[in-house]
């Protein structure tokens, strides 16, 4: 658990340009010793942002497929430390684009994700950010 906490702290406040959604997941889990692909279908760590800008919703759907192919099923309503989550955003909240994004469960109802405007940061899982998929990675 100490290693997990150290790795989590290392990524907080990193700029988004350093870690896209896919890049963050790859770097985070690779550092934990968990195999995560650096490409999926036509997405790579290098072309993720370009493809996201062209088709944000299509990329969200591909990321969902990627995440569902990783690890083992877990309960989204009761995630464990290190679970890879798909978080659904409340569509009444102003989001661009509305939908969902990948995150890592870090305990105490908190998750870690890379956000375009703020970089890598923690947030609370609540009615505005609900885990809809969880995959056991560690």
Protein backbone atom coordinates (compact mmCIF):
# COMPACT_ATOMS: atom_id res chain seq x y z
CA UNK A 1 0.00 0.00 0.00
CA UNK A 2 2.92 2.34 0.66
CA UNK A 3 4.11 1.95 -2.94
CA UNK A 4 0.57 2.67 -4.20
CA UNK A 5 0.40 5.85 -2.08
CA UNK A 6 3.82 6.99 -3.31
CA UNK A 7 2.91 6.42 -6.94
CA UNK A 8 -0.46 8.18 -6.48
CA UNK A 9 1.24 11.22 -4.92
CA UNK A 10 3.76 11.33 -7.78
CA UNK A 11 1.04 11.85 -10.41
CA UNK A 12 -1.13 14.45 -8.64
CA UNK A 13 -0.83 17.92 -10.21
CA UNK A 14 0.96 16.71 -13.36
CA UNK A 15 -0.21 18.74 -16.38
CA UNK A 16 -2.64 17.07 -18.76
CA UNK A 17 -0.29 17.64 -21.69
CA UNK A 18 2.15 15.32 -19.93
CA UNK A 19 -0.49 12.59 -19.40
CA UNK A 20 -3.59 12.21 -21.52
CA UNK A 21 -6.29 9.87 -20.20
CA UNK A 22 -4.70 6.91 -21.94
CA UNK A 23 -1.15 8.01 -21.12
CA UNK A 24 -1.95 8.48 -17.45
CA UNK A 25 -3.47 4.99 -17.13
CA UNK A 26 -0.52 3.47 -18.97
CA UNK A 27 2.10 5.26 -16.83
CA UNK A 28 0.30 4.72 -13.51
CA UNK A 29 -0.37 1.00 -13.85
CA UNK A 30 2.97 0.27 -15.54
CA UNK A 31 4.72 1.81 -12.55
CA UNK A 32 2.70 -0.53 -10.31
CA UNK A 33 3.90 -3.47 -12.41
CA UNK A 34 0.54 -4.03 -14.13
CA UNK A 35 0.50 -4.59 -17.88
CA UNK A 36 -1.59 -2.03 -19.76
CA UNK A 37 -1.39 -1.73 -23.56
CA UNK A 38 0.14 1.39 -25.08
CA UNK A 39 -2.20 1.06 -28.04
CA UNK A 40 -5.76 -0.12 -28.57
CA UNK A 41 -7.45 -0.42 -31.96
CA UNK A 42 -6.19 2.73 -33.74
CA UNK A 43 -5.40 4.64 -30.51
CA UNK A 44 -1.81 5.06 -29.36
CA UNK A 45 -0.22 7.11 -26.61
CA UNK A 46 1.06 9.47 -29.33
CA UNK A 47 -2.17 10.04 -31.30
CA UNK A 48 -4.73 10.00 -28.46
CA UNK A 49 -5.20 13.79 -28.18
CA UNK A 50 -5.41 14.32 -31.94
CA UNK A 51 -8.10 11.65 -32.24
CA UNK A 52 -9.87 12.97 -29.12
CA UNK A 53 -10.09 16.47 -30.60
CA UNK A 54 -11.58 15.06 -33.82
CA UNK A 55 -14.11 12.72 -32.15
CA UNK A 56 -14.37 13.03 -28.34
CA UNK A 57 -17.38 10.74 -28.00
CA UNK A 58 -15.86 8.08 -30.26
CA UNK A 59 -12.69 8.11 -28.16
CA UNK A 60 -14.73 7.77 -24.96
CA UNK A 61 -16.41 4.68 -26.42
CA UNK A 62 -13.05 3.16 -27.42
CA UNK A 63 -11.60 3.90 -23.96
CA UNK A 64 -14.62 2.13 -22.44
CA UNK A 65 -13.92 -0.92 -24.61
CA UNK A 66 -10.25 -0.84 -23.63
CA UNK A 67 -11.02 -0.60 -19.92
CA UNK A 68 -13.53 -3.46 -20.09
CA UNK A 69 -10.77 -5.62 -21.60
CA UNK A 70 -8.39 -5.04 -18.68
CA UNK A 71 -8.12 -6.69 -15.28
CA UNK A 72 -11.03 -8.56 -13.72
CA UNK A 73 -14.58 -7.35 -13.05
CA UNK A 74 -15.12 -5.48 -9.79
CA UNK A 75 -18.14 -3.73 -8.27
CA UNK A 76 -18.45 -0.11 -9.36
CA UNK A 77 -20.55 0.65 -6.29
CA UNK A 78 -17.87 -0.75 -3.97
CA UNK A 79 -14.46 -0.20 -5.62
CA UNK A 80 -11.19 -1.37 -4.10
CA UNK A 81 -7.92 0.54 -3.89
CA UNK A 82 -6.33 0.60 -7.34
CA UNK A 83 -9.46 -0.35 -9.28
CA UNK A 84 -9.65 1.16 -12.75
CA UNK A 85 -12.97 3.01 -13.02
CA UNK A 86 -15.12 4.43 -15.75
CA UNK A 87 -16.73 7.51 -14.22
CA UNK A 88 -19.95 8.93 -15.60
CA UNK A 89 -20.39 12.67 -15.36
CA UNK A 90 -23.77 14.14 -14.53
CA UNK A 91 -24.95 15.49 -17.88
CA UNK A 92 -26.67 18.47 -16.24
CA UNK A 93 -23.23 19.66 -15.18
CA UNK A 94 -21.39 21.80 -17.77
CA UNK A 95 -18.88 19.37 -19.30
CA UNK A 96 -17.19 19.29 -22.65
CA UNK A 97 -18.01 16.72 -23.83
CA UNK A 98 -20.45 15.22 -21.35
CA UNK A 99 -20.01 11.53 -20.86
CA UNK A 100 -17.46 9.44 -19.06
CA UNK A 101 -13.75 9.19 -18.35
CA UNK A 102 -11.25 6.73 -16.84
CA UNK A 103 -9.97 7.08 -13.26
CA UNK A 104 -8.13 5.13 -10.57
CA UNK A 105 -9.79 4.53 -7.20
CA UNK A 106 -7.47 5.79 -4.45
CA UNK A 107 -9.68 5.11 -1.39
CA UNK A 108 -12.05 7.05 0.84
CA UNK A 109 -14.48 7.65 -2.04
CA UNK A 110 -11.74 9.47 -4.00
CA UNK A 111 -10.45 8.81 -7.50
CA UNK A 112 -7.53 10.11 -9.56
CA UNK A 113 -7.81 11.12 -13.22
CA UNK A 114 -6.28 13.36 -15.85
CA UNK A 115 -8.44 16.35 -16.78
CA UNK A 116 -7.84 18.53 -19.83
CA UNK A 117 -8.06 21.83 -17.93
CA UNK A 118 -6.51 20.93 -14.57
CA UNK A 119 -4.15 18.02 -15.21
CA UNK A 120 -4.01 14.99 -12.93
CA UNK A 121 -6.00 15.46 -9.74
CA UNK A 122 -8.22 13.70 -7.23
CA UNK A 123 -11.97 14.14 -7.01
CA UNK A 124 -14.86 12.73 -5.00
CA UNK A 125 -17.11 10.02 -6.33
CA UNK A 126 -20.60 11.44 -5.82
CA UNK A 127 -23.83 12.04 -7.71
CA UNK A 128 -21.94 14.21 -10.25
CA UNK A 129 -19.13 11.69 -10.77
CA UNK A 130 -20.37 8.11 -10.46
CA UNK A 131 -18.35 4.96 -11.13
CA UNK A 132 -20.23 2.87 -13.69
CA UNK A 133 -17.52 0.28 -14.43
CA UNK A 134 -14.77 -1.03 -12.16
CA UNK A 135 -11.95 -3.39 -13.08
CA UNK A 136 -9.63 -4.99 -10.52
CA UNK A 137 -6.09 -4.20 -11.65
CA UNK A 138 -3.98 -4.97 -8.56
